[in-house]
Amino acid sequence: MQRIRAGLTGLSLVLIVTLLGSLAYAPRSAAPGPAEPLSELGVAPSPGVPRGAPPAETGKSPVADRAPEPVHTPDQVSI
């Protein structure tokens, strides 16, 4: 019984220390996000895309329309 009590006491102490540590390192206030996330990263938008342009279509791949090229093995190559 004494081992169980010592184990639970140790576990609760670790829990309390972890909780106090996370509270000590938690941010004080939630700051609003940057107005321009790209500028914060130091990245400029592409000059070819106008501001406010609709996103490109997804789901269609220009490569999917092409037929795959046949694979030639050394036995099939004619000289």
N, C-alpha and C. Protein backbone atom coordinates (compact mmCIF):
# COMPACT_ATOMS: atom_id res chain seq x y z
N MET A 1 0.81 -1.19 0.00
CA MET A 1 0.00 0.00 0.00
C MET A 1 0.87 1.26 0.00
N GLN A 2 1.99 1.18 0.70
CA GLN A 2 2.87 2.34 0.77
C GLN A 2 3.51 2.62 -0.59
N ARG A 3 3.79 1.56 -1.37
CA ARG A 3 4.37 1.74 -2.71
C ARG A 3 3.38 2.45 -3.63
N ILE A 4 2.13 2.09 -3.53
CA ILE A 4 1.11 2.71 -4.38
C ILE A 4 0.97 4.18 -4.02
N ARG A 5 0.96 4.48 -2.72
CA ARG A 5 0.83 5.87 -2.28
C ARG A 5 2.03 6.69 -2.75
N ALA A 6 3.23 6.12 -2.65
CA ALA A 6 4.44 6.84 -3.10
C ALA A 6 4.40 7.05 -4.61
N GLY A 7 3.94 6.05 -5.35
CA GLY A 7 3.85 6.19 -6.81
C GLY A 7 2.85 7.25 -7.22
N LEU A 8 1.68 7.25 -6.57
CA LEU A 8 0.67 8.25 -6.90
C LEU A 8 1.12 9.65 -6.49
N THR A 9 1.83 9.76 -5.39
CA THR A 9 2.35 11.06 -4.96
C THR A 9 3.37 11.58 -5.96
N GLY A 10 4.27 10.72 -6.40
CA GLY A 10 5.27 11.11 -7.39
C GLY A 10 4.63 11.50 -8.71
N LEU A 11 3.62 10.73 -9.12
CA LEU A 11 2.92 11.03 -10.37
C LEU A 11 2.20 12.37 -10.28
N SER A 12 1.57 12.64 -9.15
CA SER A 12 0.88 13.92 -9.01
C SER A 12 1.87 15.09 -8.96
N LEU A 13 3.03 14.89 -8.36
CA LEU A 13 4.05 15.95 -8.34
C LEU A 13 4.55 16.25 -9.75
N VAL A 14 4.77 15.20 -10.54
CA VAL A 14 5.21 15.40 -11.93
C VAL A 14 4.13 16.13 -12.71
N LEU A 15 2.87 15.78 -12.48
CA LEU A 15 1.77 16.44 -13.17
C LEU A 15 1.70 17.92 -12.80
N ILE A 16 1.85 18.22 -11.53
CA ILE A 16 1.78 19.61 -11.08
C ILE A 16 2.96 20.42 -11.62
N VAL A 17 4.16 19.84 -11.60
CA VAL A 17 5.34 20.56 -12.13
C VAL A 17 5.18 20.80 -13.63
N THR A 18 4.65 19.82 -14.36
CA THR A 18 4.44 19.99 -15.80
C THR A 18 3.39 21.07 -16.07
N LEU A 19 2.33 21.06 -15.29
CA LEU A 19 1.29 22.08 -15.46
C LEU A 19 1.83 23.47 -15.18
N LEU A 20 2.59 23.62 -14.10
CA LEU A 20 3.16 24.93 -13.78
C LEU A 20 4.17 25.38 -14.85
N GLY A 21 4.95 24.45 -15.36
CA GLY A 21 5.90 24.78 -16.42
C GLY A 21 5.21 25.22 -17.70
N SER A 22 4.11 24.55 -18.06
CA SER A 22 3.41 24.94 -19.27
C SER A 22 2.72 26.29 -19.09
N LEU A 23 2.26 26.60 -17.88
CA LEU A 23 1.66 27.91 -17.64
C LEU A 23 2.72 29.01 -17.66
N ALA A 24 3.92 28.69 -17.21
CA ALA A 24 4.98 29.70 -17.19
C ALA A 24 5.44 30.05 -18.60
N TYR A 25 5.42 29.09 -19.52
CA TYR A 25 5.91 29.33 -20.88
C TYR A 25 4.78 29.58 -21.88
N ALA A 26 3.55 29.66 -21.43
CA ALA A 26 2.42 29.93 -22.33
C ALA A 26 2.45 31.39 -22.76
N PRO A 27 2.01 31.68 -23.98
CA PRO A 27 1.96 33.07 -24.42
C PRO A 27 0.97 33.86 -23.57
N ARG A 28 1.31 35.10 -23.29
CA ARG A 28 0.49 35.94 -22.41
C ARG A 28 -0.82 36.35 -23.07
N SER A 29 -0.76 36.77 -24.32
CA SER A 29 -1.96 37.18 -25.03
C SER A 29 -1.88 36.69 -26.46
N ALA A 30 -3.03 36.50 -27.04
CA ALA A 30 -3.08 36.05 -28.42
C ALA A 30 -2.92 37.27 -29.32
N ALA A 31 -1.80 37.33 -30.02
CA ALA A 31 -1.54 38.44 -30.94
C ALA A 31 -2.23 38.14 -32.27
N PRO A 32 -2.77 39.16 -32.94
CA PRO A 32 -3.40 38.91 -34.24
C PRO A 32 -2.34 38.48 -35.26
N GLY A 33 -2.78 37.71 -36.23
CA GLY A 33 -1.87 37.23 -37.26
C GLY A 33 -1.39 38.36 -38.15
N PRO A 34 -0.33 38.13 -38.88
CA PRO A 34 0.19 39.20 -39.76
C PRO A 34 -0.78 39.48 -40.91
N ALA A 35 -0.81 40.72 -41.32
CA ALA A 35 -1.70 41.10 -42.42
C ALA A 35 -1.18 40.52 -43.74
N GLU A 36 0.11 40.44 -43.88
CA GLU A 36 0.72 39.90 -45.09
C GLU A 36 1.65 38.75 -44.70
N PRO A 37 1.17 37.52 -44.70
CA PRO A 37 2.02 36.40 -44.27
C PRO A 37 3.22 36.19 -45.20
N LEU A 38 3.08 36.52 -46.48
CA LEU A 38 4.21 36.35 -47.39
C LEU A 38 5.33 37.34 -47.06
N SER A 39 4.96 38.55 -46.69
CA SER A 39 5.99 39.53 -46.37
C SER A 39 6.73 39.17 -45.09
N GLU A 40 6.03 38.52 -44.17
CA GLU A 40 6.71 38.10 -42.95
C GLU A 40 7.74 37.02 -43.25
N LEU A 41 7.46 36.18 -44.25
CA LEU A 41 8.41 35.15 -44.66
C LEU A 41 9.49 35.70 -45.59
N GLY A 42 9.30 36.89 -46.10
CA GLY A 42 10.27 37.47 -47.01
C GLY A 42 10.10 36.98 -48.43
N VAL A 43 8.88 36.60 -48.79
CA VAL A 43 8.60 36.06 -50.11
C VAL A 43 7.70 37.04 -50.84
N ALA A 44 7.99 37.28 -52.12
CA ALA A 44 7.16 38.16 -52.93
C ALA A 44 6.22 37.31 -53.77
N PRO A 45 4.99 37.79 -53.99
CA PRO A 45 4.08 37.04 -54.85
C PRO A 45 4.55 37.07 -56.29
N SER A 46 4.12 36.10 -57.05
CA SER A 46 4.51 36.01 -58.45
C SER A 46 3.96 37.20 -59.23
N PRO A 47 4.77 37.83 -60.11
CA PRO A 47 4.27 38.98 -60.86
C PRO A 47 3.24 38.59 -61.91
N GLY A 48 3.16 37.32 -62.31
CA GLY A 48 2.23 36.90 -63.34
C GLY A 48 0.81 36.71 -62.85
N VAL A 49 0.60 36.64 -61.56
CA VAL A 49 -0.73 36.43 -61.02
C VAL A 49 -1.24 37.74 -60.43
N PRO A 50 -2.31 38.30 -61.00
CA PRO A 50 -2.83 39.56 -60.45
C PRO A 50 -3.43 39.34 -59.07
N ARG A 51 -3.44 40.38 -58.30
CA ARG A 51 -3.97 40.30 -56.94
C ARG A 51 -5.46 40.03 -56.98
N GLY A 52 -5.92 39.09 -56.18
CA GLY A 52 -7.33 38.77 -56.12
C GLY A 52 -7.79 37.86 -57.25
N ALA A 53 -6.85 37.29 -58.01
CA ALA A 53 -7.21 36.39 -59.10
C ALA A 53 -7.77 35.09 -58.52
N PRO A 54 -8.71 34.46 -59.23
CA PRO A 54 -9.26 33.20 -58.73
C PRO A 54 -8.18 32.11 -58.76
N PRO A 55 -8.27 31.14 -57.88
CA PRO A 55 -7.26 30.08 -57.86
C PRO A 55 -7.35 29.22 -59.13
N ALA A 56 -6.26 28.59 -59.46
CA ALA A 56 -6.21 27.74 -60.64
C ALA A 56 -7.10 26.51 -60.42
N GLU A 57 -7.59 25.95 -61.53
CA GLU A 57 -8.42 24.75 -61.44
C GLU A 57 -7.59 23.59 -60.94
N THR A 58 -8.20 22.81 -60.09
CA THR A 58 -7.53 21.60 -59.61
C THR A 58 -8.29 20.40 -60.13
N GLY A 59 -7.64 19.29 -60.14
CA GLY A 59 -8.28 18.06 -60.57
C GLY A 59 -7.95 17.70 -62.01
N LYS A 60 -7.59 18.67 -62.82
CA LYS A 60 -7.21 18.38 -64.20
C LYS A 60 -5.71 18.52 -64.34
N SER A 61 -5.09 17.49 -64.83
CA SER A 61 -3.65 17.52 -65.04
C SER A 61 -3.37 17.56 -66.53
N PRO A 62 -2.56 18.48 -67.02
CA PRO A 62 -2.26 18.51 -68.45
C PRO A 62 -1.48 17.29 -68.88
N VAL A 63 -0.82 16.63 -67.97
CA VAL A 63 -0.03 15.45 -68.31
C VAL A 63 -0.92 14.23 -68.46
N ALA A 64 -2.07 14.20 -67.80
CA ALA A 64 -2.95 13.04 -67.84
C ALA A 64 -3.56 12.84 -69.22
N ASP A 65 -3.63 13.89 -70.05
CA ASP A 65 -4.23 13.77 -71.37
C ASP A 65 -3.31 13.06 -72.37
N ARG A 66 -2.04 13.04 -72.09
CA ARG A 66 -1.09 12.40 -73.00
C ARG A 66 -1.07 10.91 -72.79
N ALA A 67 -0.89 10.18 -73.86
CA ALA A 67 -0.76 8.73 -73.78
C ALA A 67 0.67 8.39 -73.35
N PRO A 68 0.85 7.37 -72.55
CA PRO A 68 2.21 7.02 -72.14
C PRO A 68 3.01 6.49 -73.33
N GLU A 69 4.28 6.84 -73.33
CA GLU A 69 5.15 6.36 -74.41
C GLU A 69 5.50 4.90 -74.16
N PRO A 70 5.61 4.12 -75.24
CA PRO A 70 5.93 2.70 -75.06
C PRO A 70 7.36 2.53 -74.51
N VAL A 71 7.51 1.50 -73.74
CA VAL A 71 8.83 1.21 -73.17
C VAL A 71 9.49 0.15 -74.06
N HIS A 72 10.72 0.45 -74.50
CA HIS A 72 11.45 -0.49 -75.35
C HIS A 72 12.46 -1.25 -74.51
N THR A 73 12.40 -2.54 -74.63
CA THR A 73 13.40 -3.38 -73.97
C THR A 73 14.51 -3.65 -74.95
N PRO A 74 15.68 -4.08 -74.51
CA PRO A 74 16.79 -4.33 -75.44
C PRO A 74 16.44 -5.36 -76.52
N ASP A 75 15.51 -6.27 -76.27
CA ASP A 75 15.13 -7.28 -77.27
C ASP A 75 14.31 -6.66 -78.40
N GLN A 76 13.57 -5.58 -78.13
CA GLN A 76 12.68 -4.99 -79.11
C GLN A 76 13.32 -3.89 -79.94
N VAL A 77 14.50 -3.43 -79.57
CA VAL A 77 15.14 -2.34 -80.28
C VAL A 77 15.68 -2.85 -81.60
N SER A 78 15.29 -2.21 -82.71
CA SER A 78 15.80 -2.63 -84.02
C SER A 78 16.90 -1.66 -84.45
N ILE A 79 17.89 -2.20 -85.11
CA ILE A 79 19.03 -1.39 -85.53
C ILE A 79 18.98 -1.14 -87.01
